[in-house]
Amino acid sequence: MNTTRQQQVEAAVKWIEEAWKAGTLSQTGQAFIGQLEEAFTERQYEVDDVMVQGEKVIARVVITGKHTGIFAGIPATGKTVRITQFHEFTVNDGRIIHRFGWYDTGTLLPQLQAGA
């Protein structure tokens, strides 16, 4: 029998997997998403960590991709980078009733710097 916590984790991971397959995982509402999708190719994802507190579920997703286009004014470097994305879910009775996502550009941009 699944516990409430297991149901919450499973709901979040299932949403992430389905969004990846549908090509909508990047849709976080942040203004630079189109640029990110164009600048990083060969993207792959991994659910790195899932934390649960009450109805809140936070999932950390690590996306690896090759920097092949301009991002934030930085020309393509050809480097493979790790892009951290977070999703916050509210899960009730195993169903997602709210989701918000965002990228951690603070860990992405230094990877694109010369010498990094």
PDB file of N, CA and C in Angstrom:
ATOM      1  N   MET A   1       0.838  -1.186   0.000  1.00  0.00           N
ATOM      2  CA  MET A   1       0.000   0.000   0.000  1.00  0.00           C
ATOM      3  C   MET A   1       0.883   1.250   0.000  1.00  0.00           C
ATOM      4  N   ASN A   2       0.550   2.187  -0.869  1.00  0.00           N
ATOM      5  CA  ASN A   2       1.305   3.423  -0.946  1.00  0.00           C
ATOM      6  C   ASN A   2       0.920   4.376   0.172  1.00  0.00           C
ATOM      7  N   THR A   3       1.908   4.990   0.762  1.00  0.00           N
ATOM      8  CA  THR A   3       1.642   6.022   1.750  1.00  0.00           C
ATOM      9  C   THR A   3       1.309   7.318   1.018  1.00  0.00           C
ATOM     10  N   THR A   4       0.782   8.261   1.735  1.00  0.00           N
ATOM     11  CA  THR A   4       0.482   9.567   1.145  1.00  0.00           C
ATOM     12  C   THR A   4       1.745  10.173   0.557  1.00  0.00           C
ATOM     13  N   ARG A   5       2.848  10.074   1.283  1.00  0.00           N
ATOM     14  CA  ARG A   5       4.123  10.621   0.797  1.00  0.00           C
ATOM     15  C   ARG A   5       4.526   9.968  -0.518  1.00  0.00           C
ATOM     16  N   GLN A   6       4.416   8.650  -0.609  1.00  0.00           N
ATOM     17  CA  GLN A   6       4.766   7.950  -1.849  1.00  0.00           C
ATOM     18  C   GLN A   6       3.865   8.399  -2.993  1.00  0.00           C
ATOM     19  N   GLN A   7       2.584   8.573  -2.722  1.00  0.00           N
ATOM     20  CA  GLN A   7       1.650   9.024  -3.750  1.00  0.00           C
ATOM     21  C   GLN A   7       2.023  10.415  -4.250  1.00  0.00           C
ATOM     22  N   GLN A   8       2.433  11.278  -3.319  1.00  0.00           N
ATOM     23  CA  GLN A   8       2.822  12.635  -3.706  1.00  0.00           C
ATOM     24  C   GLN A   8       4.065  12.615  -4.594  1.00  0.00           C
ATOM     25  N   VAL A   9       5.060  11.835  -4.199  1.00  0.00           N
ATOM     26  CA  VAL A   9       6.290  11.729  -4.988  1.00  0.00           C
ATOM     27  C   VAL A   9       5.974  11.149  -6.359  1.00  0.00           C
ATOM     28  N   GLU A  10       5.187  10.083  -6.391  1.00  0.00           N
ATOM     29  CA  GLU A  10       4.835   9.451  -7.666  1.00  0.00           C
ATOM     30  C   GLU A  10       4.082  10.414  -8.581  1.00  0.00           C
ATOM     31  N   ALA A  11       3.178  11.208  -8.033  1.00  0.00           N
ATOM     32  CA  ALA A  11       2.423  12.180  -8.842  1.00  0.00           C
ATOM     33  C   ALA A  11       3.361  13.215  -9.447  1.00  0.00           C
ATOM     34  N   ALA A  12       4.303  13.716  -8.662  1.00  0.00           N
ATOM     35  CA  ALA A  12       5.241  14.722  -9.155  1.00  0.00           C
ATOM     36  C   ALA A  12       6.158  14.143 -10.225  1.00  0.00           C
ATOM     37  N   VAL A  13       6.723  12.974  -9.966  1.00  0.00           N
ATOM     38  CA  VAL A  13       7.643  12.359 -10.930  1.00  0.00           C
ATOM     39  C   VAL A  13       6.896  12.015 -12.223  1.00  0.00           C
ATOM     40  N   LYS A  14       5.672  11.524 -12.102  1.00  0.00           N
ATOM     41  CA  LYS A  14       4.875  11.204 -13.293  1.00  0.00           C
ATOM     42  C   LYS A  14       4.624  12.464 -14.109  1.00  0.00           C
ATOM     43  N   TRP A  15       4.300  13.576 -13.438  1.00  0.00           N
ATOM     44  CA  TRP A  15       4.070  14.827 -14.156  1.00  0.00           C
ATOM     45  C   TRP A  15       5.331  15.234 -14.908  1.00  0.00           C
ATOM     46  N   ILE A  16       6.489  15.157 -14.256  1.00  0.00           N
ATOM     47  CA  ILE A  16       7.758  15.536 -14.892  1.00  0.00           C
ATOM     48  C   ILE A  16       8.029  14.653 -16.105  1.00  0.00           C
ATOM     49  N   GLU A  17       7.865  13.348 -15.957  1.00  0.00           N
ATOM     50  CA  GLU A  17       8.113  12.423 -17.067  1.00  0.00           C
ATOM     51  C   GLU A  17       7.179  12.704 -18.243  1.00  0.00           C
ATOM     52  N   GLU A  18       5.902  12.930 -17.963  1.00  0.00           N
ATOM     53  CA  GLU A  18       4.946  13.214 -19.029  1.00  0.00           C
ATOM     54  C   GLU A  18       5.238  14.551 -19.701  1.00  0.00           C
ATOM     55  N   ALA A  19       5.617  15.548 -18.911  1.00  0.00           N
ATOM     56  CA  ALA A  19       5.953  16.859 -19.481  1.00  0.00           C
ATOM     57  C   ALA A  19       7.194  16.756 -20.350  1.00  0.00           C
ATOM     58  N   TRP A  20       8.167  15.951 -19.946  1.00  0.00           N
ATOM     59  CA  TRP A  20       9.380  15.767 -20.757  1.00  0.00           C
ATOM     60  C   TRP A  20       9.001  15.131 -22.102  1.00  0.00           C
ATOM     61  N   LYS A  21       8.205  14.071 -22.051  1.00  0.00           N
ATOM     62  CA  LYS A  21       7.797  13.379 -23.286  1.00  0.00           C
ATOM     63  C   LYS A  21       6.998  14.299 -24.201  1.00  0.00           C
ATOM     64  N   ALA A  22       6.185  15.167 -23.611  1.00  0.00           N
ATOM     65  CA  ALA A  22       5.356  16.085 -24.388  1.00  0.00           C
ATOM     66  C   ALA A  22       6.127  17.321 -24.850  1.00  0.00           C
ATOM     67  N   GLY A  23       7.352  17.500 -24.347  1.00  0.00           N
ATOM     68  CA  GLY A  23       8.148  18.668 -24.712  1.00  0.00           C
ATOM     69  C   GLY A  23       7.746  19.934 -23.983  1.00  0.00           C
ATOM     70  N   THR A  24       7.077  19.795 -22.841  1.00  0.00           N
ATOM     71  CA  THR A  24       6.593  20.968 -22.115  1.00  0.00           C
ATOM     72  C   THR A  24       7.261  21.165 -20.754  1.00  0.00           C
ATOM     73  N   LEU A  25       8.261  20.363 -20.445  1.00  0.00           N
ATOM     74  CA  LEU A  25       8.913  20.470 -19.132  1.00  0.00           C
ATOM     75  C   LEU A  25       9.530  21.847 -18.923  1.00  0.00           C
ATOM     76  N   SER A  26      10.000  22.464 -19.985  1.00  0.00           N
ATOM     77  CA  SER A  26      10.665  23.763 -19.853  1.00  0.00           C
ATOM     78  C   SER A  26       9.695  24.905 -19.591  1.00  0.00           C
ATOM     79  N   GLN A  27       8.416  24.702 -19.746  1.00  0.00           N
ATOM     80  CA  GLN A  27       7.435  25.776 -19.613  1.00  0.00           C
ATOM     81  C   GLN A  27       7.255  26.172 -18.147  1.00  0.00           C
ATOM     82  N   THR A  28       8.019  27.170 -17.735  1.00  0.00           N
ATOM     83  CA  THR A  28       7.961  27.635 -16.358  1.00  0.00           C
ATOM     84  C   THR A  28       7.385  29.046 -16.239  1.00  0.00           C
ATOM     85  N   GLY A  29       7.176  29.696 -17.354  1.00  0.00           N
ATOM     86  CA  GLY A  29       6.685  31.067 -17.315  1.00  0.00           C
ATOM     87  C   GLY A  29       7.796  32.095 -17.287  1.00  0.00           C
ATOM     88  N   GLN A  30       9.052  31.646 -17.198  1.00  0.00           N
ATOM     89  CA  GLN A  30      10.165  32.590 -17.208  1.00  0.00           C
ATOM     90  C   GLN A  30      10.373  33.098 -18.635  1.00  0.00           C
ATOM     91  N   ALA A  31      10.757  34.360 -18.769  1.00  0.00           N
ATOM     92  CA  ALA A  31      10.817  35.025 -20.069  1.00  0.00           C
ATOM     93  C   ALA A  31      11.833  34.420 -21.030  1.00  0.00           C
ATOM     94  N   PHE A  32      12.869  33.790 -20.544  1.00  0.00           N
ATOM     95  CA  PHE A  32      13.958  33.323 -21.406  1.00  0.00           C
ATOM     96  C   PHE A  32      13.808  31.883 -21.887  1.00  0.00           C
ATOM     97  N   ILE A  33      12.680  31.258 -21.689  1.00  0.00           N
ATOM     98  CA  ILE A  33      12.513  29.838 -21.988  1.00  0.00           C
ATOM     99  C   ILE A  33      12.764  29.531 -23.458  1.00  0.00           C
ATOM    100  N   GLY A  34      12.226  30.316 -24.362  1.00  0.00           N
ATOM    101  CA  GLY A  34      12.462  30.073 -25.794  1.00  0.00           C
ATOM    102  C   GLY A  34      13.936  30.114 -26.127  1.00  0.00           C
ATOM    103  N   GLN A  35      14.636  31.078 -25.566  1.00  0.00           N
ATOM    104  CA  GLN A  35      16.080  31.198 -25.791  1.00  0.00           C
ATOM    105  C   GLN A  35      16.816  29.984 -25.227  1.00  0.00           C
ATOM    106  N   LEU A  36      16.393  29.522 -24.071  1.00  0.00           N
ATOM    107  CA  LEU A  36      17.024  28.362 -23.456  1.00  0.00           C
ATOM    108  C   LEU A  36      16.836  27.120 -24.335  1.00  0.00           C
ATOM    109  N   GLU A  37      15.639  26.931 -24.830  1.00  0.00           N
ATOM    110  CA  GLU A  37      15.375  25.760 -25.673  1.00  0.00           C
ATOM    111  C   GLU A  37      16.190  25.799 -26.954  1.00  0.00           C
ATOM    112  N   GLU A  38      16.378  26.985 -27.525  1.00  0.00           N
ATOM    113  CA  GLU A  38      17.163  27.112 -28.748  1.00  0.00           C
ATOM    114  C   GLU A  38      18.662  26.988 -28.485  1.00  0.00           C
ATOM    115  N   ALA A  39      19.134  27.470 -27.352  1.00  0.00           N
ATOM    116  CA  ALA A  39      20.570  27.528 -27.075  1.00  0.00           C
ATOM    117  C   ALA A  39      21.153  26.218 -26.571  1.00  0.00           C
ATOM    118  N   PHE A  40      20.320  25.345 -26.006  1.00  0.00           N
ATOM    119  CA  PHE A  40      20.819  24.089 -25.431  1.00  0.00           C
ATOM    120  C   PHE A  40      20.149  22.913 -26.124  1.00  0.00           C
ATOM    121  N   THR A  41      20.933  22.149 -26.834  1.00  0.00           N
ATOM    122  CA  THR A  41      20.421  21.000 -27.580  1.00  0.00           C
ATOM    123  C   THR A  41      20.859  19.712 -26.904  1.00  0.00           C
ATOM    124  N   GLU A  42      20.384  18.613 -27.407  1.00  0.00           N
ATOM    125  CA  GLU A  42      20.715  17.293 -26.864  1.00  0.00           C
ATOM    126  C   GLU A  42      20.366  17.210 -25.374  1.00  0.00           C
ATOM    127  N   ARG A  43      19.258  17.829 -25.012  1.00  0.00           N
ATOM    128  CA  ARG A  43      18.871  17.878 -23.600  1.00  0.00           C
ATOM    129  C   ARG A  43      18.383  16.516 -23.111  1.00  0.00           C
ATOM    130  N   GLN A  44      18.791  16.187 -21.899  1.00  0.00           N
ATOM    131  CA  GLN A  44      18.336  15.004 -21.189  1.00  0.00           C
ATOM    132  C   GLN A  44      17.981  15.457 -19.772  1.00  0.00           C
ATOM    133  N   TYR A  45      17.135  14.713 -19.089  1.00  0.00           N
ATOM    134  CA  TYR A  45      16.756  15.126 -17.744  1.00  0.00           C
ATOM    135  C   TYR A  45      16.891  13.961 -16.773  1.00  0.00           C
ATOM    136  N   GLU A  46      17.025  14.326 -15.519  1.00  0.00           N
ATOM    137  CA  GLU A  46      17.033  13.348 -14.428  1.00  0.00           C
ATOM    138  C   GLU A  46      16.384  14.007 -13.216  1.00  0.00           C
ATOM    139  N   VAL A  47      15.448  13.315 -12.605  1.00  0.00           N
ATOM    140  CA  VAL A  47      14.875  13.799 -11.345  1.00  0.00           C
ATOM    141  C   VAL A  47      15.922  13.500 -10.288  1.00  0.00           C
ATOM    142  N   ASP A  48      16.531  14.547  -9.747  1.00  0.00           N
ATOM    143  CA  ASP A  48      17.671  14.414  -8.840  1.00  0.00           C
ATOM    144  C   ASP A  48      17.251  14.257  -7.384  1.00  0.00           C
ATOM    145  N   ASP A  49      16.170  14.912  -7.005  1.00  0.00           N
ATOM    146  CA  ASP A  49      15.745  14.869  -5.609  1.00  0.00           C
ATOM    147  C   ASP A  49      14.287  15.283  -5.528  1.00  0.00           C
ATOM    148  N   VAL A  50      13.563  14.696  -4.589  1.00  0.00           N
ATOM    149  CA  VAL A  50      12.172  15.062  -4.344  1.00  0.00           C
ATOM    150  C   VAL A  50      11.994  15.188  -2.838  1.00  0.00           C
ATOM    151  N   MET A  51      11.463  16.331  -2.408  1.00  0.00           N
ATOM    152  CA  MET A  51      11.234  16.582  -0.994  1.00  0.00           C
ATOM    153  C   MET A  51       9.755  16.828  -0.762  1.00  0.00           C
ATOM    154  N   VAL A  52       9.236  16.309   0.334  1.00  0.00           N
ATOM    155  CA  VAL A  52       7.815  16.440   0.649  1.00  0.00           C
ATOM    156  C   VAL A  52       7.663  17.030   2.042  1.00  0.00           C
ATOM    157  N   GLN A  53       6.783  18.020   2.147  1.00  0.00           N
ATOM    158  CA  GLN A  53       6.410  18.562   3.443  1.00  0.00           C
ATOM    159  C   GLN A  53       4.929  18.908   3.368  1.00  0.00           C
ATOM    160  N   GLY A  54       4.134  18.137   4.071  1.00  0.00           N
ATOM    161  CA  GLY A  54       2.692  18.338   3.996  1.00  0.00           C
ATOM    162  C   GLY A  54       2.211  18.062   2.584  1.00  0.00           C
ATOM    163  N   GLU A  55       1.437  19.010   2.019  1.00  0.00           N
ATOM    164  CA  GLU A  55       0.951  18.863   0.646  1.00  0.00           C
ATOM    165  C   GLU A  55       1.955  19.352  -0.384  1.00  0.00           C
ATOM    166  N   LYS A  56       3.038  19.988   0.051  1.00  0.00           N
ATOM    167  CA  LYS A  56       4.032  20.548  -0.865  1.00  0.00           C
ATOM    168  C   LYS A  56       5.056  19.494  -1.251  1.00  0.00           C
ATOM    169  N   VAL A  57       5.354  19.443  -2.540  1.00  0.00           N
ATOM    170  CA  VAL A  57       6.385  18.564  -3.079  1.00  0.00           C
ATOM    171  C   VAL A  57       7.310  19.430  -3.929  1.00  0.00           C
ATOM    172  N   ILE A  58       8.599  19.355  -3.643  1.00  0.00           N
ATOM    173  CA  ILE A  58       9.594  20.076  -4.435  1.00  0.00           C
ATOM    174  C   ILE A  58      10.453  19.033  -5.137  1.00  0.00           C
ATOM    175  N   ALA A  59      10.541  19.149  -6.450  1.00  0.00           N
ATOM    176  CA  ALA A  59      11.374  18.236  -7.231  1.00  0.00           C
ATOM    177  C   ALA A  59      12.497  19.029  -7.887  1.00  0.00           C
ATOM    178  N   ARG A  60      13.711  18.523  -7.725  1.00  0.00           N
ATOM    179  CA  ARG A  60      14.875  19.129  -8.392  1.00  0.00           C
ATOM    180  C   ARG A  60      15.189  18.251  -9.603  1.00  0.00           C
ATOM    181  N   VAL A  61      15.194  18.875 -10.755  1.00  0.00           N
ATOM    182  CA  VAL A  61      15.464  18.183 -12.006  1.00  0.00           C
ATOM    183  C   VAL A  61      16.777  18.719 -12.556  1.00  0.00           C
ATOM    184  N   VAL A  62      17.671  17.812 -12.945  1.00  0.00           N
ATOM    185  CA  VAL A  62      18.920  18.227 -13.574  1.00  0.00           C
ATOM    186  C   VAL A  62      18.801  17.922 -15.064  1.00  0.00           C
ATOM    187  N   ILE A  63      18.949  18.946 -15.855  1.00  0.00           N
ATOM    188  CA  ILE A  63      18.893  18.808 -17.307  1.00  0.00           C
ATOM    189  C   ILE A  63      20.310  19.021 -17.827  1.00  0.00           C
ATOM    190  N   THR A  64      20.795  18.089 -18.611  1.00  0.00           N
ATOM    191  CA  THR A  64      22.086  18.284 -19.260  1.00  0.00           C
ATOM    192  C   THR A  64      21.807  18.624 -20.717  1.00  0.00           C
ATOM    193  N   GLY A  65      22.600  19.508 -21.250  1.00  0.00           N
ATOM    194  CA  GLY A  65      22.431  19.909 -22.638  1.00  0.00           C
ATOM    195  C   GLY A  65      23.706  20.520 -23.170  1.00  0.00           C
ATOM    196  N   LYS A  66      23.815  20.552 -24.472  1.00  0.00           N
ATOM    197  CA  LYS A  66      24.992  21.126 -25.132  1.00  0.00           C
ATOM    198  C   LYS A  66      24.679  22.562 -25.526  1.00  0.00           C
ATOM    199  N   HIS A  67      25.566  23.476 -25.170  1.00  0.00           N
ATOM    200  CA  HIS A  67      25.387  24.901 -25.449  1.00  0.00           C
ATOM    201  C   HIS A  67      25.769  25.164 -26.907  1.00  0.00           C
ATOM    202  N   THR A  68      24.743  25.212 -27.779  1.00  0.00           N
ATOM    203  CA  THR A  68      24.988  25.355 -29.216  1.00  0.00           C
ATOM    204  C   THR A  68      24.433  26.645 -29.794  1.00  0.00           C
ATOM    205  N   GLY A  69      23.889  27.516 -28.958  1.00  0.00           N
ATOM    206  CA  GLY A  69      23.338  28.781 -29.436  1.00  0.00           C
ATOM    207  C   GLY A  69      23.532  29.865 -28.401  1.00  0.00           C
ATOM    208  N   ILE A  70      23.166  31.080 -28.755  1.00  0.00           N
ATOM    209  CA  ILE A  70      23.335  32.223 -27.856  1.00  0.00           C
ATOM    210  C   ILE A  70      22.352  32.119 -26.699  1.00  0.00           C
ATOM    211  N   PHE A  71      22.873  32.296 -25.478  1.00  0.00           N
ATOM    212  CA  PHE A  71      22.025  32.357 -24.292  1.00  0.00           C
ATOM    213  C   PHE A  71      22.525  33.471 -23.400  1.00  0.00           C
ATOM    214  N   ALA A  72      21.639  34.358 -23.008  1.00  0.00           N
ATOM    215  CA  ALA A  72      21.966  35.502 -22.146  1.00  0.00           C
ATOM    216  C   ALA A  72      23.133  36.297 -22.718  1.00  0.00           C
ATOM    217  N   GLY A  73      23.156  36.417 -24.045  1.00  0.00           N
ATOM    218  CA  GLY A  73      24.208  37.172 -24.716  1.00  0.00           C
ATOM    219  C   GLY A  73      25.528  36.428 -24.849  1.00  0.00           C
ATOM    220  N   ILE A  74      25.592  35.197 -24.379  1.00  0.00           N
ATOM    221  CA  ILE A  74      26.828  34.402 -24.434  1.00  0.00           C
ATOM    222  C   ILE A  74      26.760  33.490 -25.658  1.00  0.00           C
ATOM    223  N   PRO A  75      27.720  33.658 -26.593  1.00  0.00           N
ATOM    224  CA  PRO A  75      27.707  32.807 -27.790  1.00  0.00           C
ATOM    225  C   PRO A  75      27.932  31.337 -27.433  1.00  0.00           C
ATOM    226  N   ALA A  76      27.543  30.462 -28.347  1.00  0.00           N
ATOM    227  CA  ALA A  76      27.687  29.019 -28.139  1.00  0.00           C
ATOM    228  C   ALA A  76      29.120  28.659 -27.763  1.00  0.00           C
ATOM    229  N   THR A  77      29.241  27.814 -26.747  1.00  0.00           N
ATOM    230  CA  THR A  77      30.558  27.362 -26.293  1.00  0.00           C
ATOM    231  C   THR A  77      30.822  25.911 -26.668  1.00  0.00           C
ATOM    232  N   GLY A  78      29.770  25.175 -27.013  1.00  0.00           N
ATOM    233  CA  GLY A  78      29.915  23.749 -27.294  1.00  0.00           C
ATOM    234  C   GLY A  78      30.028  22.913 -26.030  1.00  0.00           C
ATOM    235  N   LYS A  79      29.985  23.559 -24.875  1.00  0.00           N
ATOM    236  CA  LYS A  79      30.104  22.835 -23.602  1.00  0.00           C
ATOM    237  C   LYS A  79      28.809  22.116 -23.256  1.00  0.00           C
ATOM    238  N   THR A  80      28.955  20.969 -22.607  1.00  0.00           N
ATOM    239  CA  THR A  80      27.812  20.297 -22.022  1.00  0.00           C
ATOM    240  C   THR A  80      27.650  20.852 -20.617  1.00  0.00           C
ATOM    241  N   VAL A  81      26.445  21.323 -20.320  1.00  0.00           N
ATOM    242  CA  VAL A  81      26.187  21.975 -19.034  1.00  0.00           C
ATOM    243  C   VAL A  81      25.082  21.256 -18.288  1.00  0.00           C
ATOM    244  N   ARG A  82      25.040  21.518 -16.984  1.00  0.00           N
ATOM    245  CA  ARG A  82      23.970  21.019 -16.113  1.00  0.00           C
ATOM    246  C   ARG A  82      23.079  22.205 -15.768  1.00  0.00           C
ATOM    247  N   ILE A  83      21.807  22.072 -16.100  1.00  0.00           N
ATOM    248  CA  ILE A  83      20.833  23.119 -15.840  1.00  0.00           C
ATOM    249  C   ILE A  83      19.910  22.600 -14.742  1.00  0.00           C
ATOM    250  N   THR A  84      19.832  23.318 -13.636  1.00  0.00           N
ATOM    251  CA  THR A  84      18.970  22.884 -12.541  1.00  0.00           C
ATOM    252  C   THR A  84      17.613  23.563 -12.677  1.00  0.00           C
ATOM    253  N   GLN A  85      16.584  22.740 -12.596  1.00  0.00           N
ATOM    254  CA  GLN A  85      15.211  23.218 -12.681  1.00  0.00           C
ATOM    255  C   GLN A  85      14.476  22.703 -11.440  1.00  0.00           C
ATOM    256  N   PHE A  86      13.616  23.521 -10.899  1.00  0.00           N
ATOM    257  CA  PHE A  86      12.818  23.125  -9.739  1.00  0.00           C
ATOM    258  C   PHE A  86      11.339  23.181 -10.098  1.00  0.00           C
ATOM    259  N   HIS A  87      10.584  22.275  -9.500  1.00  0.00           N
ATOM    260  CA  HIS A  87       9.132  22.289  -9.632  1.00  0.00           C
ATOM    261  C   HIS A  87       8.548  22.161  -8.239  1.00  0.00           C
ATOM    262  N   GLU A  88       7.630  23.050  -7.924  1.00  0.00           N
ATOM    263  CA  GLU A  88       6.911  22.978  -6.653  1.00  0.00           C
ATOM    264  C   GLU A  88       5.474  22.571  -6.964  1.00  0.00           C
ATOM    265  N   PHE A  89       5.058  21.496  -6.351  1.00  0.00           N
ATOM    266  CA  PHE A  89       3.707  20.973  -6.553  1.00  0.00           C
ATOM    267  C   PHE A  89       2.929  21.056  -5.248  1.00  0.00           C
ATOM    268  N   THR A  90       1.626  21.250  -5.366  1.00  0.00           N
ATOM    269  CA  THR A  90       0.712  21.010  -4.266  1.00  0.00           C
ATOM    270  C   THR A  90      -0.068  19.768  -4.676  1.00  0.00           C
ATOM    271  N   VAL A  91       0.035  18.723  -3.854  1.00  0.00           N
ATOM    272  CA  VAL A  91      -0.585  17.437  -4.173  1.00  0.00           C
ATOM    273  C   VAL A  91      -1.594  17.101  -3.088  1.00  0.00           C
ATOM    274  N   ASN A  92      -2.807  16.813  -3.519  1.00  0.00           N
ATOM    275  CA  ASN A  92      -3.875  16.459  -2.590  1.00  0.00           C
ATOM    276  C   ASN A  92      -4.536  15.188  -3.102  1.00  0.00           C
ATOM    277  N   ASP A  93      -4.615  14.172  -2.246  1.00  0.00           N
ATOM    278  CA  ASP A  93      -5.195  12.875  -2.616  1.00  0.00           C
ATOM    279  C   ASP A  93      -4.546  12.297  -3.875  1.00  0.00           C
ATOM    280  N   GLY A  94      -3.218  12.466  -3.988  1.00  0.00           N
ATOM    281  CA  GLY A  94      -2.483  11.910  -5.118  1.00  0.00           C
ATOM    282  C   GLY A  94      -2.631  12.683  -6.411  1.00  0.00           C
ATOM    283  N   ARG A  95      -3.317  13.829  -6.347  1.00  0.00           N
ATOM    284  CA  ARG A  95      -3.524  14.655  -7.542  1.00  0.00           C
ATOM    285  C   ARG A  95      -2.820  15.987  -7.396  1.00  0.00           C
ATOM    286  N   ILE A  96      -2.203  16.435  -8.465  1.00  0.00           N
ATOM    287  CA  ILE A  96      -1.552  17.745  -8.471  1.00  0.00           C
ATOM    288  C   ILE A  96      -2.626  18.802  -8.671  1.00  0.00           C
ATOM    289  N   ILE A  97      -2.693  19.725  -7.712  1.00  0.00           N
ATOM    290  CA  ILE A  97      -3.691  20.787  -7.822  1.00  0.00           C
ATOM    291  C   ILE A  97      -3.054  22.136  -8.142  1.00  0.00           C
ATOM    292  N   HIS A  98      -1.716  22.208  -8.044  1.00  0.00           N
ATOM    293  CA  HIS A  98      -0.987  23.429  -8.408  1.00  0.00           C
ATOM    294  C   HIS A  98       0.460  23.067  -8.681  1.00  0.00           C
ATOM    295  N   ARG A  99       1.063  23.771  -9.653  1.00  0.00           N
ATOM    296  CA  ARG A  99       2.483  23.576  -9.947  1.00  0.00           C
ATOM    297  C   ARG A  99       3.101  24.893 -10.361  1.00  0.00           C
ATOM    298  N   PHE A 100       4.325  25.086  -9.936  1.00  0.00           N
ATOM    299  CA  PHE A 100       5.106  26.247 -10.316  1.00  0.00           C
ATOM    300  C   PHE A 100       6.522  25.758 -10.576  1.00  0.00           C
ATOM    301  N   GLY A 101       7.149  26.218 -11.654  1.00  0.00           N
ATOM    302  CA  GLY A 101       8.508  25.784 -11.964  1.00  0.00           C
ATOM    303  C   GLY A 101       9.430  26.960 -12.205  1.00  0.00           C
ATOM    304  N   TRP A 102      10.718  26.739 -11.993  1.00  0.00           N
ATOM    305  CA  TRP A 102      11.717  27.775 -12.259  1.00  0.00           C
ATOM    306  C   TRP A 102      13.085  27.137 -12.478  1.00  0.00           C
ATOM    307  N   TYR A 103      13.953  27.886 -13.168  1.00  0.00           N
ATOM    308  CA  TYR A 103      15.330  27.470 -13.425  1.00  0.00           C
ATOM    309  C   TYR A 103      16.274  28.208 -12.504  1.00  0.00           C
ATOM    310  N   ASP A 104      17.359  27.554 -12.149  1.00  0.00           N
ATOM    311  CA  ASP A 104      18.420  28.171 -11.358  1.00  0.00           C
ATOM    312  C   ASP A 104      19.507  28.639 -12.322  1.00  0.00           C
ATOM    313  N   THR A 105      19.348  29.852 -12.850  1.00  0.00           N
ATOM    314  CA  THR A 105      20.342  30.367 -13.793  1.00  0.00           C
ATOM    315  C   THR A 105      21.640  30.749 -13.080  1.00  0.00           C
ATOM    316  N   GLY A 106      21.582  30.890 -11.768  1.00  0.00           N
ATOM    317  CA  GLY A 106      22.801  31.212 -11.007  1.00  0.00           C
ATOM    318  C   GLY A 106      23.840  30.116 -11.081  1.00  0.00           C
ATOM    319  N   THR A 107      23.421  28.875 -11.297  1.00  0.00           N
ATOM    320  CA  THR A 107      24.385  27.786 -11.459  1.00  0.00           C
ATOM    321  C   THR A 107      24.672  27.508 -12.937  1.00  0.00           C
ATOM    322  N   LEU A 108      23.814  28.003 -13.822  1.00  0.00           N
ATOM    323  CA  LEU A 108      24.021  27.792 -15.257  1.00  0.00           C
ATOM    324  C   LEU A 108      25.025  28.774 -15.843  1.00  0.00           C
ATOM    325  N   LEU A 109      24.831  30.051 -15.598  1.00  0.00           N
ATOM    326  CA  LEU A 109      25.657  31.073 -16.249  1.00  0.00           C
ATOM    327  C   LEU A 109      27.152  30.913 -15.990  1.00  0.00           C
ATOM    328  N   PRO A 110      27.597  30.572 -14.765  1.00  0.00           N
ATOM    329  CA  PRO A 110      29.042  30.399 -14.567  1.00  0.00           C
ATOM    330  C   PRO A 110      29.632  29.272 -15.422  1.00  0.00           C
ATOM    331  N   GLN A 111      28.830  28.286 -15.789  1.00  0.00           N
ATOM    332  CA  GLN A 111      29.332  27.199 -16.622  1.00  0.00           C
ATOM    333  C   GLN A 111      29.649  27.647 -18.039  1.00  0.00           C
ATOM    334  N   LEU A 112      29.059  28.771 -18.446  1.00  0.00           N
ATOM    335  CA  LEU A 112      29.250  29.278 -19.803  1.00  0.00           C
ATOM    336  C   LEU A 112      30.395  30.270 -19.900  1.00  0.00           C
ATOM    337  N   GLN A 113      30.918  30.671 -18.763  1.00  0.00           N
ATOM    338  CA  GLN A 113      32.009  31.647 -18.736  1.00  0.00           C
ATOM    339  C   GLN A 113      33.282  31.038 -19.315  1.00  0.00           C
ATOM    340  N   ALA A 114      34.122  31.871 -19.875  1.00  0.00           N
ATOM    341  CA  ALA A 114      35.415  31.414 -20.409  1.00  0.00           C
ATOM    342  C   ALA A 114      36.212  30.765 -19.301  1.00  0.00           C
ATOM    343  N   GLY A 115      36.818  29.642 -19.591  1.00  0.00           N
ATOM    344  CA  GLY A 115      37.655  28.938 -18.620  1.00  0.00           C
ATOM    345  C   GLY A 115      36.899  28.045 -17.662  1.00  0.00           C
ATOM    346  N   ALA A 116      35.565  28.108 -17.697  1.00  0.00           N
ATOM    347  CA  ALA A 116      34.780  27.281 -16.771  1.00  0.00           C
ATOM    348  C   ALA A 116      34.705  25.845 -17.257  1.00  0.00           C
TER     349      ALA A 116
END
